[in-house]
Amino acid sequence: MKKWCVILWVMSAGLLTSYKAIAQADELAQLALNIEKLSQFKSILSDMKKVTPF
């Protein structure tokens, strides 16, 4: 019985670790998209400053 408890505990710890890794990968992908959006917004702002006579 003790052996099964240890095996289940180790397996559950492994699953939780993999879920965290997947979540971190998703966060990194979202961060990369946000950086790309920021770059595009900077470009749009630059273009607006060139067109606007202010």
PDB file of N, CA and C in Angstrom:
ATOM      1  N   MET A   1       0.836  -1.196   0.000  1.00  0.00           N
ATOM      2  CA  MET A   1       0.000   0.000   0.000  1.00  0.00           C
ATOM      3  C   MET A   1       0.875   1.252   0.000  1.00  0.00           C
ATOM      4  N   LYS A   2       1.917   1.250   0.814  1.00  0.00           N
ATOM      5  CA  LYS A   2       2.803   2.400   0.860  1.00  0.00           C
ATOM      6  C   LYS A   2       3.478   2.622  -0.486  1.00  0.00           C
ATOM      7  N   LYS A   3       3.821   1.529  -1.125  1.00  0.00           N
ATOM      8  CA  LYS A   3       4.499   1.611  -2.410  1.00  0.00           C
ATOM      9  C   LYS A   3       3.602   2.304  -3.436  1.00  0.00           C
ATOM     10  N   TRP A   4       2.309   1.972  -3.454  1.00  0.00           N
ATOM     11  CA  TRP A   4       1.380   2.586  -4.394  1.00  0.00           C
ATOM     12  C   TRP A   4       1.195   4.074  -4.111  1.00  0.00           C
ATOM     13  N   CYS A   5       1.186   4.428  -2.842  1.00  0.00           N
ATOM     14  CA  CYS A   5       1.053   5.843  -2.485  1.00  0.00           C
ATOM     15  C   CYS A   5       2.251   6.639  -2.996  1.00  0.00           C
ATOM     16  N   VAL A   6       3.427   6.069  -2.843  1.00  0.00           N
ATOM     17  CA  VAL A   6       4.634   6.748  -3.313  1.00  0.00           C
ATOM     18  C   VAL A   6       4.608   6.867  -4.833  1.00  0.00           C
ATOM     19  N   ILE A   7       4.220   5.812  -5.514  1.00  0.00           N
ATOM     20  CA  ILE A   7       4.161   5.837  -6.974  1.00  0.00           C
ATOM     21  C   ILE A   7       3.155   6.881  -7.449  1.00  0.00           C
ATOM     22  N   LEU A   8       1.985   6.925  -6.837  1.00  0.00           N
ATOM     23  CA  LEU A   8       0.975   7.918  -7.227  1.00  0.00           C
ATOM     24  C   LEU A   8       1.454   9.341  -6.952  1.00  0.00           C
ATOM     25  N   TRP A   9       2.132   9.526  -5.836  1.00  0.00           N
ATOM     26  CA  TRP A   9       2.640  10.850  -5.496  1.00  0.00           C
ATOM     27  C   TRP A   9       3.668  11.309  -6.520  1.00  0.00           C
ATOM     28  N   VAL A  10       4.579  10.435  -6.900  1.00  0.00           N
ATOM     29  CA  VAL A  10       5.613  10.779  -7.880  1.00  0.00           C
ATOM     30  C   VAL A  10       4.979  11.091  -9.241  1.00  0.00           C
ATOM     31  N   MET A  11       4.002  10.297  -9.633  1.00  0.00           N
ATOM     32  CA  MET A  11       3.334  10.535 -10.912  1.00  0.00           C
ATOM     33  C   MET A  11       2.586  11.863 -10.909  1.00  0.00           C
ATOM     34  N   SER A  12       1.904  12.175  -9.833  1.00  0.00           N
ATOM     35  CA  SER A  12       1.157  13.432  -9.771  1.00  0.00           C
ATOM     36  C   SER A  12       2.107  14.626  -9.755  1.00  0.00           C
ATOM     37  N   ALA A  13       3.236  14.496  -9.076  1.00  0.00           N
ATOM     38  CA  ALA A  13       4.224  15.576  -9.071  1.00  0.00           C
ATOM     39  C   ALA A  13       4.765  15.799 -10.481  1.00  0.00           C
ATOM     40  N   GLY A  14       4.975  14.743 -11.218  1.00  0.00           N
ATOM     41  CA  GLY A  14       5.442  14.858 -12.598  1.00  0.00           C
ATOM     42  C   GLY A  14       4.428  15.524 -13.495  1.00  0.00           C
ATOM     43  N   LEU A  15       3.162  15.209 -13.305  1.00  0.00           N
ATOM     44  CA  LEU A  15       2.116  15.825 -14.117  1.00  0.00           C
ATOM     45  C   LEU A  15       1.984  17.310 -13.821  1.00  0.00           C
ATOM     46  N   LEU A  16       2.064  17.677 -12.558  1.00  0.00           N
ATOM     47  CA  LEU A  16       1.956  19.089 -12.200  1.00  0.00           C
ATOM     48  C   LEU A  16       3.113  19.886 -12.784  1.00  0.00           C
ATOM     49  N   THR A  17       4.289  19.304 -12.794  1.00  0.00           N
ATOM     50  CA  THR A  17       5.448  19.988 -13.350  1.00  0.00           C
ATOM     51  C   THR A  17       5.272  20.206 -14.846  1.00  0.00           C
ATOM     52  N   SER A  18       4.745  19.226 -15.543  1.00  0.00           N
ATOM     53  CA  SER A  18       4.559  19.389 -16.985  1.00  0.00           C
ATOM     54  C   SER A  18       3.499  20.439 -17.290  1.00  0.00           C
ATOM     55  N   TYR A  19       2.454  20.536 -16.467  1.00  0.00           N
ATOM     56  CA  TYR A  19       1.443  21.567 -16.678  1.00  0.00           C
ATOM     57  C   TYR A  19       2.048  22.953 -16.493  1.00  0.00           C
ATOM     58  N   LYS A  20       2.931  23.101 -15.514  1.00  0.00           N
ATOM     59  CA  LYS A  20       3.588  24.396 -15.308  1.00  0.00           C
ATOM     60  C   LYS A  20       4.447  24.755 -16.504  1.00  0.00           C
ATOM     61  N   ALA A  21       5.140  23.780 -17.065  1.00  0.00           N
ATOM     62  CA  ALA A  21       5.985  24.034 -18.222  1.00  0.00           C
ATOM     63  C   ALA A  21       5.148  24.459 -19.419  1.00  0.00           C
ATOM     64  N   ILE A  22       4.003  23.830 -19.605  1.00  0.00           N
ATOM     65  CA  ILE A  22       3.115  24.200 -20.710  1.00  0.00           C
ATOM     66  C   ILE A  22       2.589  25.618 -20.504  1.00  0.00           C
ATOM     67  N   ALA A  23       2.225  25.934 -19.274  1.00  0.00           N
ATOM     68  CA  ALA A  23       1.713  27.275 -18.982  1.00  0.00           C
ATOM     69  C   ALA A  23       2.791  28.330 -19.233  1.00  0.00           C
ATOM     70  N   GLN A  24       4.038  28.020 -18.874  1.00  0.00           N
ATOM     71  CA  GLN A  24       5.121  28.974 -19.111  1.00  0.00           C
ATOM     72  C   GLN A  24       5.371  29.149 -20.603  1.00  0.00           C
ATOM     73  N   ALA A  25       5.262  28.074 -21.360  1.00  0.00           N
ATOM     74  CA  ALA A  25       5.442  28.181 -22.811  1.00  0.00           C
ATOM     75  C   ALA A  25       4.343  29.050 -23.414  1.00  0.00           C
ATOM     76  N   ASP A  26       3.123  28.903 -22.920  1.00  0.00           N
ATOM     77  CA  ASP A  26       2.014  29.740 -23.396  1.00  0.00           C
ATOM     78  C   ASP A  26       2.256  31.205 -23.059  1.00  0.00           C
ATOM     79  N   GLU A  27       2.766  31.445 -21.863  1.00  0.00           N
ATOM     80  CA  GLU A  27       3.057  32.823 -21.445  1.00  0.00           C
ATOM     81  C   GLU A  27       4.146  33.436 -22.328  1.00  0.00           C
ATOM     82  N   LEU A  28       5.165  32.655 -22.657  1.00  0.00           N
ATOM     83  CA  LEU A  28       6.228  33.159 -23.526  1.00  0.00           C
ATOM     84  C   LEU A  28       5.715  33.464 -24.925  1.00  0.00           C
ATOM     85  N   ALA A  29       4.831  32.624 -25.426  1.00  0.00           N
ATOM     86  CA  ALA A  29       4.243  32.877 -26.746  1.00  0.00           C
ATOM     87  C   ALA A  29       3.422  34.159 -26.723  1.00  0.00           C
ATOM     88  N   GLN A  30       2.659  34.360 -25.666  1.00  0.00           N
ATOM     89  CA  GLN A  30       1.856  35.580 -25.540  1.00  0.00           C
ATOM     90  C   GLN A  30       2.750  36.804 -25.425  1.00  0.00           C
ATOM     91  N   LEU A  31       3.845  36.680 -24.692  1.00  0.00           N
ATOM     92  CA  LEU A  31       4.795  37.785 -24.557  1.00  0.00           C
ATOM     93  C   LEU A  31       5.393  38.146 -25.909  1.00  0.00           C
ATOM     94  N   ALA A  32       5.738  37.153 -26.697  1.00  0.00           N
ATOM     95  CA  ALA A  32       6.286  37.408 -28.029  1.00  0.00           C
ATOM     96  C   ALA A  32       5.261  38.131 -28.904  1.00  0.00           C
ATOM     97  N   LEU A  33       3.992  37.742 -28.815  1.00  0.00           N
ATOM     98  CA  LEU A  33       2.952  38.432 -29.574  1.00  0.00           C
ATOM     99  C   LEU A  33       2.789  39.879 -29.110  1.00  0.00           C
ATOM    100  N   ASN A  34       2.856  40.089 -27.808  1.00  0.00           N
ATOM    101  CA  ASN A  34       2.726  41.446 -27.274  1.00  0.00           C
ATOM    102  C   ASN A  34       3.878  42.331 -27.730  1.00  0.00           C
ATOM    103  N   ILE A  35       5.080  41.780 -27.787  1.00  0.00           N
ATOM    104  CA  ILE A  35       6.232  42.542 -28.259  1.00  0.00           C
ATOM    105  C   ILE A  35       6.048  42.905 -29.722  1.00  0.00           C
ATOM    106  N   GLU A  36       5.539  41.977 -30.510  1.00  0.00           N
ATOM    107  CA  GLU A  36       5.270  42.249 -31.923  1.00  0.00           C
ATOM    108  C   GLU A  36       4.219  43.342 -32.074  1.00  0.00           C
ATOM    109  N   LYS A  37       3.160  43.289 -31.272  1.00  0.00           N
ATOM    110  CA  LYS A  37       2.119  44.332 -31.324  1.00  0.00           C
ATOM    111  C   LYS A  37       2.709  45.693 -30.970  1.00  0.00           C
ATOM    112  N   LEU A  38       3.538  45.735 -29.945  1.00  0.00           N
ATOM    113  CA  LEU A  38       4.145  46.994 -29.521  1.00  0.00           C
ATOM    114  C   LEU A  38       5.000  47.569 -30.639  1.00  0.00           C
ATOM    115  N   SER A  39       5.726  46.721 -31.316  1.00  0.00           N
ATOM    116  CA  SER A  39       6.540  47.170 -32.439  1.00  0.00           C
ATOM    117  C   SER A  39       5.667  47.756 -33.536  1.00  0.00           C
ATOM    118  N   GLN A  40       4.552  47.107 -33.825  1.00  0.00           N
ATOM    119  CA  GLN A  40       3.640  47.614 -34.847  1.00  0.00           C
ATOM    120  C   GLN A  40       3.021  48.948 -34.432  1.00  0.00           C
ATOM    121  N   PHE A  41       2.656  49.074 -33.162  1.00  0.00           N
ATOM    122  CA  PHE A  41       2.092  50.338 -32.677  1.00  0.00           C
ATOM    123  C   PHE A  41       3.112  51.470 -32.763  1.00  0.00           C
ATOM    124  N   LYS A  42       4.355  51.177 -32.462  1.00  0.00           N
ATOM    125  CA  LYS A  42       5.407  52.191 -32.577  1.00  0.00           C
ATOM    126  C   LYS A  42       5.557  52.647 -34.020  1.00  0.00           C
ATOM    127  N   SER A  43       5.484  51.703 -34.938  1.00  0.00           N
ATOM    128  CA  SER A  43       5.582  52.036 -36.353  1.00  0.00           C
ATOM    129  C   SER A  43       4.401  52.898 -36.791  1.00  0.00           C
ATOM    130  N   ILE A  44       3.206  52.537 -36.341  1.00  0.00           N
ATOM    131  CA  ILE A  44       2.009  53.322 -36.680  1.00  0.00           C
ATOM    132  C   ILE A  44       2.123  54.732 -36.117  1.00  0.00           C
ATOM    133  N   LEU A  45       2.579  54.863 -34.883  1.00  0.00           N
ATOM    134  CA  LEU A  45       2.739  56.178 -34.268  1.00  0.00           C
ATOM    135  C   LEU A  45       3.765  57.010 -35.027  1.00  0.00           C
ATOM    136  N   SER A  46       4.838  56.392 -35.424  1.00  0.00           N
ATOM    137  CA  SER A  46       5.862  57.090 -36.198  1.00  0.00           C
ATOM    138  C   SER A  46       5.292  57.593 -37.515  1.00  0.00           C
ATOM    139  N   ASP A  47       4.515  56.730 -38.178  1.00  0.00           N
ATOM    140  CA  ASP A  47       3.889  57.136 -39.438  1.00  0.00           C
ATOM    141  C   ASP A  47       2.900  58.275 -39.226  1.00  0.00           C
ATOM    142  N   MET A  48       2.150  58.235 -38.129  1.00  0.00           N
ATOM    143  CA  MET A  48       1.192  59.295 -37.842  1.00  0.00           C
ATOM    144  C   MET A  48       1.907  60.628 -37.599  1.00  0.00           C
ATOM    145  N   LYS A  49       3.046  60.575 -36.932  1.00  0.00           N
ATOM    146  CA  LYS A  49       3.802  61.803 -36.670  1.00  0.00           C
ATOM    147  C   LYS A  49       4.340  62.388 -37.963  1.00  0.00           C
ATOM    148  N   LYS A  50       4.676  61.558 -38.929  1.00  0.00           N
ATOM    149  CA  LYS A  50       5.176  62.055 -40.213  1.00  0.00           C
ATOM    150  C   LYS A  50       4.071  62.724 -41.008  1.00  0.00           C
ATOM    151  N   VAL A  51       2.854  62.197 -40.950  1.00  0.00           N
ATOM    152  CA  VAL A  51       1.735  62.716 -41.732  1.00  0.00           C
ATOM    153  C   VAL A  51       1.133  63.950 -41.082  1.00  0.00           C
ATOM    154  N   THR A  52       1.032  63.971 -39.771  1.00  0.00           N
ATOM    155  CA  THR A  52       0.409  65.082 -39.053  1.00  0.00           C
ATOM    156  C   THR A  52       1.346  66.277 -39.025  1.00  0.00           C
ATOM    157  N   PRO A  53       0.848  67.472 -39.387  1.00  0.00           N
ATOM    158  CA  PRO A  53       1.720  68.658 -39.456  1.00  0.00           C
ATOM    159  C   PRO A  53       2.005  69.293 -38.094  1.00  0.00           C
ATOM    160  N   PHE A  54       1.659  68.686 -36.998  1.00  0.00           N
ATOM    161  CA  PHE A  54       1.873  69.299 -35.677  1.00  0.00           C
ATOM    162  C   PHE A  54       3.323  69.269 -35.324  1.00  0.00           C
TER     163      PHE A  54
END
